[in-house]
Amino acid sequence: MHFNHYGGEAARLAAALANGAEPWEPHELEPVLDAHGIADRRLTGAQARRVWEWSRRLGACFGAQPPAVRCERINVLLADSASRPYISLHDGTPHLHYSSEGADPAAHIRAVTAAGLSYVACFASPDRLGRCAREGCDRVFVDVSRNGRRAYCTLRCSNNDAVRRHRAQHRTPPPRRP
């Protein structure tokens, strides 16, 4: 499935941030932001902490949940990001920006990720904001598969779960003792 930059890539950034296991140092966050197209990625320690706190809230928008609950959670993020979208022509082509030019990098990340989640929920399917189905894995993902039926965060989790199910089916009970 193809998403535009602010929809798909921003939602994938939201997933990457939500999957962070520990609070980041600014230098640890830079490659993640770079991989998802964030231009201003030099954060102070305080800004990195704000992004970490925000990332915990992003995770609640992923996984199976009633549409009304997911939409309410995304609406709260949109309200809390307090941004005003505008059309920019800085590269000659009209496109949307979700935070003002020169905005604090942490505020920009909040605005972009909230907009990305809303884009996927409204223009793709809310169910494309998934949570891994493998027991013991709580990672989130944006389902960009053609049919929108992805259930695992990675192929590795899918394979591990298939092996577990196979072994459970073919497990023989221990021999009975007389």
C-alpha atoms as a PDB file:
ATOM      1  CA  MET A   1       0.000   0.000   0.000  1.00  0.00           C
ATOM      2  CA  HIS A   2       1.318   3.435  -0.867  1.00  0.00           C
ATOM      3  CA  PHE A   3       1.046   6.296   1.600  1.00  0.00           C
ATOM      4  CA  ASN A   4       2.136   9.871   1.120  1.00  0.00           C
ATOM      5  CA  HIS A   5       5.103  11.163   3.134  1.00  0.00           C
ATOM      6  CA  TYR A   6       3.056  12.613   5.972  1.00  0.00           C
ATOM      7  CA  GLY A   7       0.712   9.669   6.157  1.00  0.00           C
ATOM      8  CA  GLY A   8       2.742   6.530   5.872  1.00  0.00           C
ATOM      9  CA  GLU A   9       6.193   7.686   6.846  1.00  0.00           C
ATOM     10  CA  ALA A  10       4.923   9.739   9.763  1.00  0.00           C
ATOM     11  CA  ALA A  11       2.824   6.798  10.990  1.00  0.00           C
ATOM     12  CA  ARG A  12       5.873   4.515  10.646  1.00  0.00           C
ATOM     13  CA  LEU A  13       7.834   7.046  12.699  1.00  0.00           C
ATOM     14  CA  ALA A  14       5.065   6.877  15.322  1.00  0.00           C
ATOM     15  CA  ALA A  15       5.454   3.077  15.385  1.00  0.00           C
ATOM     16  CA  ALA A  16       9.249   3.303  15.634  1.00  0.00           C
ATOM     17  CA  LEU A  17       8.974   5.739  18.534  1.00  0.00           C
ATOM     18  CA  ALA A  18       6.306   3.645  20.277  1.00  0.00           C
ATOM     19  CA  ASN A  19       8.569   0.584  19.990  1.00  0.00           C
ATOM     20  CA  GLY A  20      11.421   2.298  21.828  1.00  0.00           C
ATOM     21  CA  ALA A  21      12.284   0.228  24.878  1.00  0.00           C
ATOM     22  CA  GLU A  22      14.071   2.871  26.934  1.00  0.00           C
ATOM     23  CA  PRO A  23      14.223   6.653  27.043  1.00  0.00           C
ATOM     24  CA  TRP A  24      16.629   7.865  24.386  1.00  0.00           C
ATOM     25  CA  GLU A  25      19.585  10.117  24.536  1.00  0.00           C
ATOM     26  CA  PRO A  26      19.378  12.738  21.767  1.00  0.00           C
ATOM     27  CA  HIS A  27      22.160  11.073  19.737  1.00  0.00           C
ATOM     28  CA  GLU A  28      20.268   7.744  19.843  1.00  0.00           C
ATOM     29  CA  LEU A  29      17.122   9.354  18.493  1.00  0.00           C
ATOM     30  CA  GLU A  30      18.795  11.090  15.520  1.00  0.00           C
ATOM     31  CA  PRO A  31      19.135   7.972  13.299  1.00  0.00           C
ATOM     32  CA  VAL A  32      15.488   7.029  13.915  1.00  0.00           C
ATOM     33  CA  LEU A  33      14.340  10.518  12.958  1.00  0.00           C
ATOM     34  CA  ASP A  34      16.658  10.560   9.930  1.00  0.00           C
ATOM     35  CA  ALA A  35      15.317   7.211   8.709  1.00  0.00           C
ATOM     36  CA  HIS A  36      11.805   8.669   8.730  1.00  0.00           C
ATOM     37  CA  GLY A  37      12.542  11.961   6.998  1.00  0.00           C
ATOM     38  CA  ILE A  38      12.689  14.387   9.926  1.00  0.00           C
ATOM     39  CA  ALA A  39      15.024  17.172   8.821  1.00  0.00           C
ATOM     40  CA  ASP A  40      15.558  18.939  12.162  1.00  0.00           C
ATOM     41  CA  ARG A  41      16.615  16.009  14.339  1.00  0.00           C
ATOM     42  CA  ARG A  42      19.070  17.593  16.763  1.00  0.00           C
ATOM     43  CA  LEU A  43      17.282  17.501  20.050  1.00  0.00           C
ATOM     44  CA  THR A  44      18.299  18.641  23.477  1.00  0.00           C
ATOM     45  CA  GLY A  45      18.016  16.250  26.411  1.00  0.00           C
ATOM     46  CA  ALA A  46      14.749  17.895  27.474  1.00  0.00           C
ATOM     47  CA  GLN A  47      13.315  17.616  23.950  1.00  0.00           C
ATOM     48  CA  ALA A  48      14.323  13.929  23.730  1.00  0.00           C
ATOM     49  CA  ARG A  49      12.518  13.311  27.038  1.00  0.00           C
ATOM     50  CA  ARG A  50       9.388  15.038  25.673  1.00  0.00           C
ATOM     51  CA  VAL A  51       9.533  12.832  22.578  1.00  0.00           C
ATOM     52  CA  TRP A  52       9.911   9.764  24.827  1.00  0.00           C
ATOM     53  CA  GLU A  53       6.846  10.763  26.864  1.00  0.00           C
ATOM     54  CA  TRP A  54       4.936  11.371  23.621  1.00  0.00           C
ATOM     55  CA  SER A  55       6.000   7.963  22.263  1.00  0.00           C
ATOM     56  CA  ARG A  56       4.330   6.191  25.205  1.00  0.00           C
ATOM     57  CA  ARG A  57       1.060   7.835  24.183  1.00  0.00           C
ATOM     58  CA  LEU A  58       1.486   6.914  20.515  1.00  0.00           C
ATOM     59  CA  GLY A  59       1.559   3.208  21.345  1.00  0.00           C
ATOM     60  CA  ALA A  60      -2.014   3.301  22.645  1.00  0.00           C
ATOM     61  CA  CYS A  61      -3.266   4.027  19.106  1.00  0.00           C
ATOM     62  CA  PHE A  62      -2.033   0.692  17.717  1.00  0.00           C
ATOM     63  CA  GLY A  63      -3.582  -2.768  17.925  1.00  0.00           C
ATOM     64  CA  ALA A  64      -7.114  -4.127  17.968  1.00  0.00           C
ATOM     65  CA  GLN A  65      -9.569  -1.667  19.470  1.00  0.00           C
ATOM     66  CA  PRO A  66     -12.975  -0.219  18.632  1.00  0.00           C
ATOM     67  CA  PRO A  67     -12.755   2.506  15.965  1.00  0.00           C
ATOM     68  CA  ALA A  68     -14.309   5.081  18.305  1.00  0.00           C
ATOM     69  CA  VAL A  69     -11.618   4.440  20.934  1.00  0.00           C
ATOM     70  CA  ARG A  70      -8.762   4.659  18.413  1.00  0.00           C
ATOM     71  CA  CYS A  71     -10.175   7.831  16.859  1.00  0.00           C
ATOM     72  CA  GLU A  72     -10.611   9.442  20.282  1.00  0.00           C
ATOM     73  CA  ARG A  73      -7.009   8.601  21.196  1.00  0.00           C
ATOM     74  CA  ILE A  74      -5.740  10.072  17.927  1.00  0.00           C
ATOM     75  CA  ASN A  75      -7.942  13.150  18.392  1.00  0.00           C
ATOM     76  CA  VAL A  76      -6.387  13.716  21.819  1.00  0.00           C
ATOM     77  CA  LEU A  77      -2.922  13.490  20.248  1.00  0.00           C
ATOM     78  CA  LEU A  78      -3.929  15.934  17.514  1.00  0.00           C
ATOM     79  CA  ALA A  79      -5.267  18.378  20.110  1.00  0.00           C
ATOM     80  CA  ASP A  80      -2.171  18.005  22.285  1.00  0.00           C
ATOM     81  CA  SER A  81       0.185  18.516  19.369  1.00  0.00           C
ATOM     82  CA  ALA A  82      -1.441  21.946  18.952  1.00  0.00           C
ATOM     83  CA  SER A  83      -0.288  22.454  15.398  1.00  0.00           C
ATOM     84  CA  ARG A  84      -1.855  24.284  12.525  1.00  0.00           C
ATOM     85  CA  PRO A  85      -1.302  22.652   9.128  1.00  0.00           C
ATOM     86  CA  TYR A  86      -0.361  24.912   6.248  1.00  0.00           C
ATOM     87  CA  ILE A  87       0.553  24.547   2.598  1.00  0.00           C
ATOM     88  CA  SER A  88       4.194  25.145   1.777  1.00  0.00           C
ATOM     89  CA  LEU A  89       5.797  25.861  -1.595  1.00  0.00           C
ATOM     90  CA  HIS A  90       9.415  25.851  -0.410  1.00  0.00           C
ATOM     91  CA  ASP A  91      10.433  23.203  -2.962  1.00  0.00           C
ATOM     92  CA  GLY A  92       8.174  24.480  -5.751  1.00  0.00           C
ATOM     93  CA  THR A  93       5.425  21.901  -5.189  1.00  0.00           C
ATOM     94  CA  PRO A  94       2.491  22.562  -2.867  1.00  0.00           C
ATOM     95  CA  HIS A  95       2.471  20.186   0.094  1.00  0.00           C
ATOM     96  CA  LEU A  96       1.302  20.196   3.692  1.00  0.00           C
ATOM     97  CA  HIS A  97       3.416  20.980   6.707  1.00  0.00           C
ATOM     98  CA  TYR A  98       1.992  20.104  10.093  1.00  0.00           C
ATOM     99  CA  SER A  99       4.034  22.451  12.257  1.00  0.00           C
ATOM    100  CA  SER A 100       5.236  25.990  11.770  1.00  0.00           C
ATOM    101  CA  GLU A 101       8.619  26.708  10.262  1.00  0.00           C
ATOM    102  CA  GLY A 102      11.222  26.898  13.004  1.00  0.00           C
ATOM    103  CA  ALA A 103       9.083  24.929  15.446  1.00  0.00           C
ATOM    104  CA  ASP A 104      10.810  23.173  18.313  1.00  0.00           C
ATOM    105  CA  PRO A 105      11.903  19.742  16.966  1.00  0.00           C
ATOM    106  CA  ALA A 106       9.941  17.885  19.661  1.00  0.00           C
ATOM    107  CA  ALA A 107       6.792  19.868  18.800  1.00  0.00           C
ATOM    108  CA  HIS A 108       7.331  19.088  15.125  1.00  0.00           C
ATOM    109  CA  ILE A 109       7.650  15.352  15.884  1.00  0.00           C
ATOM    110  CA  ARG A 110       4.435  15.441  17.931  1.00  0.00           C
ATOM    111  CA  ALA A 111       2.548  17.203  15.133  1.00  0.00           C
ATOM    112  CA  VAL A 112       3.854  14.950  12.369  1.00  0.00           C
ATOM    113  CA  THR A 113       3.218  11.665  14.185  1.00  0.00           C
ATOM    114  CA  ALA A 114      -0.297  12.656  15.263  1.00  0.00           C
ATOM    115  CA  ALA A 115      -1.084  13.703  11.679  1.00  0.00           C
ATOM    116  CA  GLY A 116       0.402  10.463  10.332  1.00  0.00           C
ATOM    117  CA  LEU A 117      -1.746   8.299  12.591  1.00  0.00           C
ATOM    118  CA  SER A 118      -4.846  10.291  11.643  1.00  0.00           C
ATOM    119  CA  TYR A 119      -4.003   9.951   7.944  1.00  0.00           C
ATOM    120  CA  VAL A 120      -3.747   6.151   8.187  1.00  0.00           C
ATOM    121  CA  ALA A 121      -6.907   5.882  10.294  1.00  0.00           C
ATOM    122  CA  CYS A 122      -8.923   8.046   7.881  1.00  0.00           C
ATOM    123  CA  PHE A 123      -7.541   7.277   4.435  1.00  0.00           C
ATOM    124  CA  ALA A 124      -6.252   3.711   4.674  1.00  0.00           C
ATOM    125  CA  SER A 125      -7.879   1.790   7.524  1.00  0.00           C
ATOM    126  CA  PRO A 126      -7.648   2.076  11.287  1.00  0.00           C
ATOM    127  CA  ASP A 127      -6.847  -1.647  11.337  1.00  0.00           C
ATOM    128  CA  ARG A 128      -3.541  -0.930   9.595  1.00  0.00           C
ATOM    129  CA  LEU A 129      -2.219   0.371  12.919  1.00  0.00           C
ATOM    130  CA  GLY A 130      -1.347  -3.061  14.246  1.00  0.00           C
ATOM    131  CA  ARG A 131       0.203  -4.754  17.248  1.00  0.00           C
ATOM    132  CA  CYS A 132       2.190  -7.977  16.887  1.00  0.00           C
ATOM    133  CA  ALA A 133       0.117 -11.147  17.363  1.00  0.00           C
ATOM    134  CA  ARG A 134       3.008 -13.250  18.696  1.00  0.00           C
ATOM    135  CA  GLU A 135       2.630 -13.990  22.386  1.00  0.00           C
ATOM    136  CA  GLY A 136       5.241 -12.058  24.325  1.00  0.00           C
ATOM    137  CA  CYS A 137       5.825  -9.439  21.627  1.00  0.00           C
ATOM    138  CA  ASP A 138       4.172  -6.077  22.090  1.00  0.00           C
ATOM    139  CA  ARG A 139       5.723  -4.222  19.141  1.00  0.00           C
ATOM    140  CA  VAL A 140       3.509  -2.047  16.953  1.00  0.00           C
ATOM    141  CA  PHE A 141       3.593  -1.568  13.188  1.00  0.00           C
ATOM    142  CA  VAL A 142       1.896   0.127  10.269  1.00  0.00           C
ATOM    143  CA  ASP A 143       0.510  -2.499   7.922  1.00  0.00           C
ATOM    144  CA  VAL A 144       1.514  -1.512   4.393  1.00  0.00           C
ATOM    145  CA  SER A 145       0.723  -4.923   2.893  1.00  0.00           C
ATOM    146  CA  ARG A 146      -1.482  -5.064  -0.155  1.00  0.00           C
ATOM    147  CA  ASN A 147      -4.365  -6.869   1.554  1.00  0.00           C
ATOM    148  CA  GLY A 148      -4.037  -5.189   4.972  1.00  0.00           C
ATOM    149  CA  ARG A 149      -4.001  -8.451   6.919  1.00  0.00           C
ATOM    150  CA  ARG A 150      -0.568  -8.339   8.500  1.00  0.00           C
ATOM    151  CA  ALA A 151      -0.561  -9.755  12.032  1.00  0.00           C
ATOM    152  CA  TYR A 152       3.117  -9.667  13.052  1.00  0.00           C
ATOM    153  CA  CYS A 153       5.657  -6.900  13.452  1.00  0.00           C
ATOM    154  CA  THR A 154       8.345  -8.803  11.511  1.00  0.00           C
ATOM    155  CA  LEU A 155       8.784 -11.938   9.454  1.00  0.00           C
ATOM    156  CA  ARG A 156      10.833 -13.319  12.328  1.00  0.00           C
ATOM    157  CA  CYS A 157       7.910 -13.025  14.764  1.00  0.00           C
ATOM    158  CA  SER A 158       5.625 -14.630  12.177  1.00  0.00           C
ATOM    159  CA  ASN A 159       8.018 -17.542  11.680  1.00  0.00           C
ATOM    160  CA  ASN A 160       8.582 -18.014  15.419  1.00  0.00           C
ATOM    161  CA  ASP A 161       4.851 -18.122  16.026  1.00  0.00           C
ATOM    162  CA  ALA A 162       4.337 -20.609  13.180  1.00  0.00           C
ATOM    163  CA  VAL A 163       7.036 -22.872  14.631  1.00  0.00           C
ATOM    164  CA  ARG A 164       5.440 -22.636  18.081  1.00  0.00           C
ATOM    165  CA  ARG A 165       2.013 -23.558  16.676  1.00  0.00           C
ATOM    166  CA  HIS A 166       3.493 -26.425  14.648  1.00  0.00           C
ATOM    167  CA  ARG A 167       5.312 -27.856  17.646  1.00  0.00           C
ATOM    168  CA  ALA A 168       2.202 -27.576  19.794  1.00  0.00           C
ATOM    169  CA  GLN A 169       0.183 -29.522  17.205  1.00  0.00           C
ATOM    170  CA  HIS A 170       2.761 -32.277  16.851  1.00  0.00           C
ATOM    171  CA  ARG A 171       3.779 -32.634  20.445  1.00  0.00           C
ATOM    172  CA  THR A 172       3.318 -36.183  21.615  1.00  0.00           C
ATOM    173  CA  PRO A 173       2.239 -36.774  25.155  1.00  0.00           C
ATOM    174  CA  PRO A 174       4.821 -38.451  27.389  1.00  0.00           C
ATOM    175  CA  PRO A 175       4.455 -42.242  27.627  1.00  0.00           C
ATOM    176  CA  ARG A 176       2.249 -43.475  30.434  1.00  0.00           C
ATOM    177  CA  ARG A 177       3.888 -45.219  33.290  1.00  0.00           C
ATOM    178  CA  PRO A 178       2.206 -48.382  34.542  1.00  0.00           C
END
